[in-house]
């Protein structure tokens, strides 16, 4: 299914969902650096290990002009909050 987050500034679609193993989504920003109809693809691979779960993340086809803001967005809105939550 389709999704929209951060008041519509990011949108996309679930392409592949394998329970407890893999998530593939298309993503796009609403800024001027994202051509109309252009999407990047994110992949999250979940691997069980003795201590918990390892997340392997990739995002492809990011417009070059948006690379730094996309990277900062993942760190600020996803990875840092996830780390803080898991450390509690």
PDB file of N, CA and C in Angstrom:
ATOM      1  N   UNK A   1       0.782  -1.177   0.000  1.00  0.00           N
ATOM      2  CA  UNK A   1       0.000   0.000   0.000  1.00  0.00           C
ATOM      3  C   UNK A   1       0.842   1.266   0.000  1.00  0.00           C
ATOM      4  N   UNK A   2       0.219   2.341  -0.335  1.00  0.00           N
ATOM      5  CA  UNK A   2       0.867   3.653  -0.380  1.00  0.00           C
ATOM      6  C   UNK A   2       0.918   4.273   1.008  1.00  0.00           C
ATOM      7  N   UNK A   3       1.874   5.183   1.205  1.00  0.00           N
ATOM      8  CA  UNK A   3       1.975   5.896   2.470  1.00  0.00           C
ATOM      9  C   UNK A   3       2.439   7.323   2.232  1.00  0.00           C
ATOM     10  N   UNK A   4       2.168   8.169   3.206  1.00  0.00           N
ATOM     11  CA  UNK A   4       2.605   9.562   3.208  1.00  0.00           C
ATOM     12  C   UNK A   4       2.938   9.908   4.652  1.00  0.00           C
ATOM     13  N   UNK A   5       4.120  10.513   4.885  1.00  0.00           N
ATOM     14  CA  UNK A   5       4.542  10.856   6.245  1.00  0.00           C
ATOM     15  C   UNK A   5       5.071  12.280   6.286  1.00  0.00           C
ATOM     16  N   UNK A   6       5.262  12.769   7.500  1.00  0.00           N
ATOM     17  CA  UNK A   6       5.769  14.126   7.717  1.00  0.00           C
ATOM     18  C   UNK A   6       4.943  15.153   6.949  1.00  0.00           C
ATOM     19  N   UNK A   7       3.624  15.093   7.201  1.00  0.00           N
ATOM     20  CA  UNK A   7       2.665  16.018   6.588  1.00  0.00           C
ATOM     21  C   UNK A   7       2.756  16.038   5.065  1.00  0.00           C
ATOM     22  N   UNK A   8       3.022  14.875   4.481  1.00  0.00           N
ATOM     23  CA  UNK A   8       3.057  14.746   3.033  1.00  0.00           C
ATOM     24  C   UNK A   8       4.377  15.074   2.381  1.00  0.00           C
ATOM     25  N   UNK A   9       5.398  15.416   3.171  1.00  0.00           N
ATOM     26  CA  UNK A   9       6.680  15.771   2.554  1.00  0.00           C
ATOM     27  C   UNK A   9       7.435  14.549   2.040  1.00  0.00           C
ATOM     28  N   UNK A  10       7.064  13.365   2.494  1.00  0.00           N
ATOM     29  CA  UNK A  10       7.601  12.110   1.966  1.00  0.00           C
ATOM     30  C   UNK A  10       6.437  11.187   1.653  1.00  0.00           C
ATOM     31  N   UNK A  11       6.540  10.499   0.527  1.00  0.00           N
ATOM     32  CA  UNK A  11       5.501   9.541   0.178  1.00  0.00           C
ATOM     33  C   UNK A  11       6.140   8.361  -0.529  1.00  0.00           C
ATOM     34  N   UNK A  12       5.392   7.281  -0.613  1.00  0.00           N
ATOM     35  CA  UNK A  12       5.926   6.106  -1.274  1.00  0.00           C
ATOM     36  C   UNK A  12       4.939   4.967  -1.282  1.00  0.00           C
ATOM     37  N   UNK A  13       5.494   3.774  -1.543  1.00  0.00           N
ATOM     38  CA  UNK A  13       4.659   2.593  -1.691  1.00  0.00           C
ATOM     39  C   UNK A  13       5.447   1.378  -1.213  1.00  0.00           C
ATOM     40  N   UNK A  14       4.771   0.480  -0.501  1.00  0.00           N
ATOM     41  CA  UNK A  14       5.385  -0.797  -0.150  1.00  0.00           C
ATOM     42  C   UNK A  14       5.419  -1.671  -1.398  1.00  0.00           C
ATOM     43  N   UNK A  15       6.611  -2.138  -1.745  1.00  0.00           N
ATOM     44  CA  UNK A  15       6.790  -2.954  -2.939  1.00  0.00           C
ATOM     45  C   UNK A  15       6.893  -4.432  -2.574  1.00  0.00           C
ATOM     46  N   UNK A  16       7.592  -4.704  -1.468  1.00  0.00           N
ATOM     47  CA  UNK A  16       7.785  -6.089  -1.024  1.00  0.00           C
ATOM     48  C   UNK A  16       7.845  -6.111   0.500  1.00  0.00           C
ATOM     49  N   UNK A  17       7.065  -6.986   1.101  1.00  0.00           N
ATOM     50  CA  UNK A  17       7.063  -7.161   2.554  1.00  0.00           C
ATOM     51  C   UNK A  17       7.161  -8.651   2.851  1.00  0.00           C
ATOM     52  N   UNK A  18       8.254  -9.051   3.500  1.00  0.00           N
ATOM     53  CA  UNK A  18       8.427 -10.431   3.934  1.00  0.00           C
ATOM     54  C   UNK A  18       8.569 -10.387   5.450  1.00  0.00           C
ATOM     55  N   UNK A  19       7.573 -10.897   6.141  1.00  0.00           N
ATOM     56  CA  UNK A  19       7.513 -10.785   7.599  1.00  0.00           C
ATOM     57  C   UNK A  19       8.816 -11.229   8.254  1.00  0.00           C
ATOM     58  N   UNK A  20       9.323 -10.380   9.136  1.00  0.00           N
ATOM     59  CA  UNK A  20      10.536 -10.629   9.928  1.00  0.00           C
ATOM     60  C   UNK A  20      11.808 -10.725   9.089  1.00  0.00           C
ATOM     61  N   UNK A  21      11.765 -10.369   7.782  1.00  0.00           N
ATOM     62  CA  UNK A  21      12.945 -10.534   6.941  1.00  0.00           C
ATOM     63  C   UNK A  21      13.287  -9.330   6.061  1.00  0.00           C
ATOM     64  N   UNK A  22      12.279  -8.752   5.390  1.00  0.00           N
ATOM     65  CA  UNK A  22      12.619  -7.774   4.353  1.00  0.00           C
ATOM     66  C   UNK A  22      11.474  -6.792   4.117  1.00  0.00           C
ATOM     67  N   UNK A  23      11.862  -5.515   3.893  1.00  0.00           N
ATOM     68  CA  UNK A  23      10.927  -4.462   3.500  1.00  0.00           C
ATOM     69  C   UNK A  23      11.554  -3.724   2.321  1.00  0.00           C
ATOM     70  N   UNK A  24      10.817  -3.599   1.236  1.00  0.00           N
ATOM     71  CA  UNK A  24      11.252  -2.798   0.088  1.00  0.00           C
ATOM     72  C   UNK A  24      10.158  -1.772  -0.172  1.00  0.00           C
ATOM     73  N   UNK A  25      10.569  -0.498  -0.265  1.00  0.00           N
ATOM     74  CA  UNK A  25       9.620   0.589  -0.504  1.00  0.00           C
ATOM     75  C   UNK A  25      10.187   1.558  -1.538  1.00  0.00           C
ATOM     76  N   UNK A  26       9.289   2.194  -2.278  1.00  0.00           N
ATOM     77  CA  UNK A  26       9.679   3.360  -3.066  1.00  0.00           C
ATOM     78  C   UNK A  26       9.433   4.585  -2.198  1.00  0.00           C
ATOM     79  N   UNK A  27      10.296   5.592  -2.350  1.00  0.00           N
ATOM     80  CA  UNK A  27      10.199   6.834  -1.570  1.00  0.00           C
ATOM     81  C   UNK A  27      10.423   8.014  -2.494  1.00  0.00           C
ATOM     82  N   UNK A  28       9.775   9.141  -2.153  1.00  0.00           N
ATOM     83  CA  UNK A  28      10.080  10.390  -2.848  1.00  0.00           C
ATOM     84  C   UNK A  28       9.815  11.561  -1.917  1.00  0.00           C
ATOM     85  N   UNK A  29      10.617  12.587  -2.086  1.00  0.00           N
ATOM     86  CA  UNK A  29      10.400  13.830  -1.359  1.00  0.00           C
ATOM     87  C   UNK A  29       9.566  14.769  -2.204  1.00  0.00           C
ATOM     88  N   UNK A  30       9.006  15.794  -1.571  1.00  0.00           N
ATOM     89  CA  UNK A  30       8.183  16.743  -2.323  1.00  0.00           C
ATOM     90  C   UNK A  30       8.958  17.992  -2.721  1.00  0.00           C
ATOM     91  N   UNK A  31      10.263  18.021  -2.458  1.00  0.00           N
ATOM     92  CA  UNK A  31      11.072  19.197  -2.769  1.00  0.00           C
ATOM     93  C   UNK A  31      11.386  19.327  -4.248  1.00  0.00           C
ATOM     94  N   UNK A  32      11.955  20.468  -4.596  1.00  0.00           N
ATOM     95  CA  UNK A  32      12.261  20.764  -6.001  1.00  0.00           C
ATOM     96  C   UNK A  32      13.326  19.846  -6.583  1.00  0.00           C
ATOM     97  N   UNK A  33      14.126  19.179  -5.738  1.00  0.00           N
ATOM     98  CA  UNK A  33      15.173  18.288  -6.230  1.00  0.00           C
ATOM     99  C   UNK A  33      14.657  16.914  -6.639  1.00  0.00           C
ATOM    100  N   UNK A  34      13.383  16.667  -6.395  1.00  0.00           N
ATOM    101  CA  UNK A  34      12.789  15.387  -6.775  1.00  0.00           C
ATOM    102  C   UNK A  34      11.916  15.611  -8.010  1.00  0.00           C
ATOM    103  N   UNK A  35      12.365  15.176  -9.183  1.00  0.00           N
ATOM    104  CA  UNK A  35      11.546  15.340 -10.384  1.00  0.00           C
ATOM    105  C   UNK A  35      10.187  14.656 -10.209  1.00  0.00           C
ATOM    106  N   UNK A  36       9.181  15.215 -10.825  1.00  0.00           N
ATOM    107  CA  UNK A  36       7.825  14.669 -10.726  1.00  0.00           C
ATOM    108  C   UNK A  36       7.832  13.191 -11.136  1.00  0.00           C
ATOM    109  N   UNK A  37       7.235  12.364 -10.292  1.00  0.00           N
ATOM    110  CA  UNK A  37       7.138  10.940 -10.584  1.00  0.00           C
ATOM    111  C   UNK A  37       8.397  10.137 -10.314  1.00  0.00           C
ATOM    112  N   UNK A  38       9.437  10.773  -9.776  1.00  0.00           N
ATOM    113  CA  UNK A  38      10.718  10.102  -9.528  1.00  0.00           C
ATOM    114  C   UNK A  38      10.744   9.540  -8.108  1.00  0.00           C
ATOM    115  N   UNK A  39      11.132   8.282  -7.955  1.00  0.00           N
ATOM    116  CA  UNK A  39      11.190   7.622  -6.656  1.00  0.00           C
ATOM    117  C   UNK A  39      12.548   6.966  -6.447  1.00  0.00           C
ATOM    118  N   UNK A  40      13.009   6.970  -5.206  1.00  0.00           N
ATOM    119  CA  UNK A  40      14.154   6.154  -4.820  1.00  0.00           C
ATOM    120  C   UNK A  40      13.600   4.857  -4.232  1.00  0.00           C
ATOM    121  N   UNK A  41      14.470   3.882  -4.049  1.00  0.00           N
ATOM    122  CA  UNK A  41      14.066   2.600  -3.483  1.00  0.00           C
ATOM    123  C   UNK A  41      14.854   2.333  -2.213  1.00  0.00           C
ATOM    124  N   UNK A  42      14.143   2.015  -1.128  1.00  0.00           N
ATOM    125  CA  UNK A  42      14.826   1.617   0.099  1.00  0.00           C
ATOM    126  C   UNK A  42      14.604   0.128   0.324  1.00  0.00           C
ATOM    127  N   UNK A  43      15.626  -0.505   0.891  1.00  0.00           N
ATOM    128  CA  UNK A  43      15.543  -1.913   1.257  1.00  0.00           C
ATOM    129  C   UNK A  43      16.047  -2.078   2.679  1.00  0.00           C
ATOM    130  N   UNK A  44      15.254  -2.719   3.501  1.00  0.00           N
ATOM    131  CA  UNK A  44      15.634  -3.077   4.869  1.00  0.00           C
ATOM    132  C   UNK A  44      15.648  -4.599   4.957  1.00  0.00           C
ATOM    133  N   UNK A  45      16.819  -5.157   5.264  1.00  0.00           N
ATOM    134  CA  UNK A  45      16.962  -6.592   5.475  1.00  0.00           C
ATOM    135  C   UNK A  45      17.129  -6.805   6.975  1.00  0.00           C
ATOM    136  N   UNK A  46      16.316  -7.665   7.564  1.00  0.00           N
ATOM    137  CA  UNK A  46      16.373  -7.958   8.994  1.00  0.00           C
ATOM    138  C   UNK A  46      16.988  -9.340   9.179  1.00  0.00           C
ATOM    139  N   UNK A  47      18.062  -9.407   9.983  1.00  0.00           N
ATOM    140  CA  UNK A  47      18.733 -10.681  10.232  1.00  0.00           C
ATOM    141  C   UNK A  47      18.785 -10.953  11.725  1.00  0.00           C
ATOM    142  N   UNK A  48      18.317 -12.128  12.136  1.00  0.00           N
ATOM    143  CA  UNK A  48      18.400 -12.521  13.541  1.00  0.00           C
ATOM    144  C   UNK A  48      19.833 -12.885  13.886  1.00  0.00           C
ATOM    145  N   UNK A  49      20.284 -12.390  15.023  1.00  0.00           N
ATOM    146  CA  UNK A  49      21.590 -12.747  15.578  1.00  0.00           C
ATOM    147  C   UNK A  49      21.373 -13.086  17.051  1.00  0.00           C
ATOM    148  N   UNK A  50      22.398 -13.652  17.690  1.00  0.00           N
ATOM    149  CA  UNK A  50      22.254 -14.060  19.092  1.00  0.00           C
ATOM    150  C   UNK A  50      21.782 -12.927  19.988  1.00  0.00           C
ATOM    151  N   UNK A  51      22.266 -11.709  19.751  1.00  0.00           N
ATOM    152  CA  UNK A  51      21.939 -10.579  20.619  1.00  0.00           C
ATOM    153  C   UNK A  51      20.676  -9.831  20.201  1.00  0.00           C
ATOM    154  N   UNK A  52      20.035 -10.214  19.117  1.00  0.00           N
ATOM    155  CA  UNK A  52      18.843  -9.499  18.678  1.00  0.00           C
ATOM    156  C   UNK A  52      18.669  -9.549  17.173  1.00  0.00           C
ATOM    157  N   UNK A  53      18.637  -8.377  16.554  1.00  0.00           N
ATOM    158  CA  UNK A  53      18.413  -8.264  15.113  1.00  0.00           C
ATOM    159  C   UNK A  53      19.363  -7.237  14.516  1.00  0.00           C
ATOM    160  N   UNK A  54      19.935  -7.569  13.357  1.00  0.00           N
ATOM    161  CA  UNK A  54      20.749  -6.635  12.584  1.00  0.00           C
ATOM    162  C   UNK A  54      19.870  -6.103  11.458  1.00  0.00           C
ATOM    163  N   UNK A  55      19.902  -4.777  11.253  1.00  0.00           N
ATOM    164  CA  UNK A  55      19.170  -4.145  10.154  1.00  0.00           C
ATOM    165  C   UNK A  55      20.185  -3.713   9.104  1.00  0.00           C
ATOM    166  N   UNK A  56      20.023  -4.214   7.881  1.00  0.00           N
ATOM    167  CA  UNK A  56      20.860  -3.775   6.758  1.00  0.00           C
ATOM    168  C   UNK A  56      19.987  -2.879   5.884  1.00  0.00           C
ATOM    169  N   UNK A  57      20.450  -1.651   5.674  1.00  0.00           N
ATOM    170  CA  UNK A  57      19.654  -0.630   4.992  1.00  0.00           C
ATOM    171  C   UNK A  57      20.381  -0.127   3.755  1.00  0.00           C
ATOM    172  N   UNK A  58      19.661   0.000   2.657  1.00  0.00           N
ATOM    173  CA  UNK A  58      20.175   0.675   1.465  1.00  0.00           C
ATOM    174  C   UNK A  58      19.074   1.565   0.904  1.00  0.00           C
ATOM    175  N   UNK A  59      19.495   2.654   0.256  1.00  0.00           N
ATOM    176  CA  UNK A  59      18.568   3.509  -0.485  1.00  0.00           C
ATOM    177  C   UNK A  59      19.259   3.883  -1.782  1.00  0.00           C
ATOM    178  N   UNK A  60      18.624   3.567  -2.890  1.00  0.00           N
ATOM    179  CA  UNK A  60      19.183   3.818  -4.221  1.00  0.00           C
ATOM    180  C   UNK A  60      18.363   4.862  -4.967  1.00  0.00           C
ATOM    181  N   UNK A  61      18.989   5.438  -5.983  1.00  0.00           N
ATOM    182  CA  UNK A  61      18.355   6.415  -6.878  1.00  0.00           C
ATOM    183  C   UNK A  61      17.931   7.702  -6.183  1.00  0.00           C
ATOM    184  N   UNK A  62      18.717   8.166  -5.222  1.00  0.00           N
ATOM    185  CA  UNK A  62      18.453   9.458  -4.581  1.00  0.00           C
ATOM    186  C   UNK A  62      18.955  10.549  -5.518  1.00  0.00           C
ATOM    187  N   UNK A  63      18.160  11.577  -5.811  1.00  0.00           N
ATOM    188  CA  UNK A  63      18.677  12.682  -6.623  1.00  0.00           C
ATOM    189  C   UNK A  63      19.927  13.271  -5.949  1.00  0.00           C
ATOM    190  N   UNK A  64      20.961  13.486  -6.727  1.00  0.00           N
ATOM    191  CA  UNK A  64      22.242  13.949  -6.181  1.00  0.00           C
ATOM    192  C   UNK A  64      22.090  15.196  -5.312  1.00  0.00           C
ATOM    193  N   UNK A  65      21.256  16.128  -5.743  1.00  0.00           N
ATOM    194  CA  UNK A  65      21.080  17.378  -4.994  1.00  0.00           C
ATOM    195  C   UNK A  65      20.386  17.158  -3.648  1.00  0.00           C
ATOM    196  N   UNK A  66      19.762  16.005  -3.455  1.00  0.00           N
ATOM    197  CA  UNK A  66      19.057  15.712  -2.198  1.00  0.00           C
ATOM    198  C   UNK A  66      19.813  14.747  -1.297  1.00  0.00           C
ATOM    199  N   UNK A  67      20.963  14.251  -1.742  1.00  0.00           N
ATOM    200  CA  UNK A  67      21.665  13.198  -1.004  1.00  0.00           C
ATOM    201  C   UNK A  67      21.926  13.572   0.456  1.00  0.00           C
ATOM    202  N   UNK A  68      22.518  14.726   0.707  1.00  0.00           N
ATOM    203  CA  UNK A  68      22.870  15.110   2.081  1.00  0.00           C
ATOM    204  C   UNK A  68      21.636  15.283   2.955  1.00  0.00           C
ATOM    205  N   UNK A  69      20.582  15.903   2.424  1.00  0.00           N
ATOM    206  CA  UNK A  69      19.381  16.093   3.246  1.00  0.00           C
ATOM    207  C   UNK A  69      18.693  14.760   3.529  1.00  0.00           C
ATOM    208  N   UNK A  70      18.731  13.830   2.583  1.00  0.00           N
ATOM    209  CA  UNK A  70      18.153  12.504   2.809  1.00  0.00           C
ATOM    210  C   UNK A  70      18.948  11.773   3.890  1.00  0.00           C
ATOM    211  N   UNK A  71      20.266  11.821   3.788  1.00  0.00           N
ATOM    212  CA  UNK A  71      21.128  11.179   4.787  1.00  0.00           C
ATOM    213  C   UNK A  71      20.869  11.760   6.178  1.00  0.00           C
ATOM    214  N   UNK A  72      20.829  13.074   6.281  1.00  0.00           N
ATOM    215  CA  UNK A  72      20.562  13.731   7.565  1.00  0.00           C
ATOM    216  C   UNK A  72      19.174  13.368   8.093  1.00  0.00           C
ATOM    217  N   UNK A  73      18.202  13.279   7.195  1.00  0.00           N
ATOM    218  CA  UNK A  73      16.847  12.915   7.601  1.00  0.00           C
ATOM    219  C   UNK A  73      16.781  11.523   8.207  1.00  0.00           C
ATOM    220  N   UNK A  74      17.443  10.555   7.579  1.00  0.00           N
ATOM    221  CA  UNK A  74      17.470   9.203   8.147  1.00  0.00           C
ATOM    222  C   UNK A  74      18.107   9.217   9.528  1.00  0.00           C
ATOM    223  N   UNK A  75      19.233   9.904   9.663  1.00  0.00           N
ATOM    224  CA  UNK A  75      19.913   9.954  10.967  1.00  0.00           C
ATOM    225  C   UNK A  75      19.034  10.623  12.021  1.00  0.00           C
ATOM    226  N   UNK A  76      18.478  11.778  11.694  1.00  0.00           N
ATOM    227  CA  UNK A  76      17.716  12.573  12.660  1.00  0.00           C
ATOM    228  C   UNK A  76      16.370  11.955  13.024  1.00  0.00           C
ATOM    229  N   UNK A  77      15.639  11.458  12.030  1.00  0.00           N
ATOM    230  CA  UNK A  77      14.268  11.015  12.265  1.00  0.00           C
ATOM    231  C   UNK A  77      14.096   9.509  12.443  1.00  0.00           C
ATOM    232  N   UNK A  78      15.120   8.723  12.122  1.00  0.00           N
ATOM    233  CA  UNK A  78      14.983   7.268  12.237  1.00  0.00           C
ATOM    234  C   UNK A  78      16.069   6.629  13.095  1.00  0.00           C
ATOM    235  N   UNK A  79      17.322   6.720  12.651  1.00  0.00           N
ATOM    236  CA  UNK A  79      18.383   5.954  13.315  1.00  0.00           C
ATOM    237  C   UNK A  79      18.681   6.452  14.728  1.00  0.00           C
ATOM    238  N   UNK A  80      18.793   7.746  14.945  1.00  0.00           N
ATOM    239  CA  UNK A  80      19.060   8.257  16.298  1.00  0.00           C
ATOM    240  C   UNK A  80      17.899   7.969  17.258  1.00  0.00           C
ATOM    241  N   UNK A  81      16.634   8.234  16.870  1.00  0.00           N
ATOM    242  CA  UNK A  81      15.528   7.881  17.775  1.00  0.00           C
ATOM    243  C   UNK A  81      15.439   6.368  18.046  1.00  0.00           C
ATOM    244  N   UNK A  82      15.705   5.546  17.026  1.00  0.00           N
ATOM    245  CA  UNK A  82      15.673   4.097  17.223  1.00  0.00           C
ATOM    246  C   UNK A  82      16.745   3.678  18.225  1.00  0.00           C
ATOM    247  N   UNK A  83      17.937   4.225  18.069  1.00  0.00           N
ATOM    248  CA  UNK A  83      19.030   3.919  18.999  1.00  0.00           C
ATOM    249  C   UNK A  83      18.654   4.320  20.426  1.00  0.00           C
ATOM    250  N   UNK A  84      18.112   5.519  20.589  1.00  0.00           N
ATOM    251  CA  UNK A  84      17.703   5.985  21.924  1.00  0.00           C
ATOM    252  C   UNK A  84      16.641   5.072  22.533  1.00  0.00           C
ATOM    253  N   UNK A  85      15.676   4.663  21.732  1.00  0.00           N
ATOM    254  CA  UNK A  85      14.619   3.793  22.227  1.00  0.00           C
ATOM    255  C   UNK A  85      15.183   2.436  22.662  1.00  0.00           C
ATOM    256  N   UNK A  86      16.089   1.877  21.864  1.00  0.00           N
ATOM    257  CA  UNK A  86      16.630   0.556  22.172  1.00  0.00           C
ATOM    258  C   UNK A  86      17.582   0.566  23.362  1.00  0.00           C
ATOM    259  N   UNK A  87      18.166   1.720  23.654  1.00  0.00           N
ATOM    260  CA  UNK A  87      19.090   1.821  24.783  1.00  0.00           C
ATOM    261  C   UNK A  87      18.373   1.958  26.121  1.00  0.00           C
ATOM    262  N   UNK A  88      17.062   2.170  26.108  1.00  0.00           N
ATOM    263  CA  UNK A  88      16.298   2.327  27.359  1.00  0.00           C
ATOM    264  C   UNK A  88      16.068   0.988  28.029  1.00  0.00           C
TER     265      UNK A  88
END
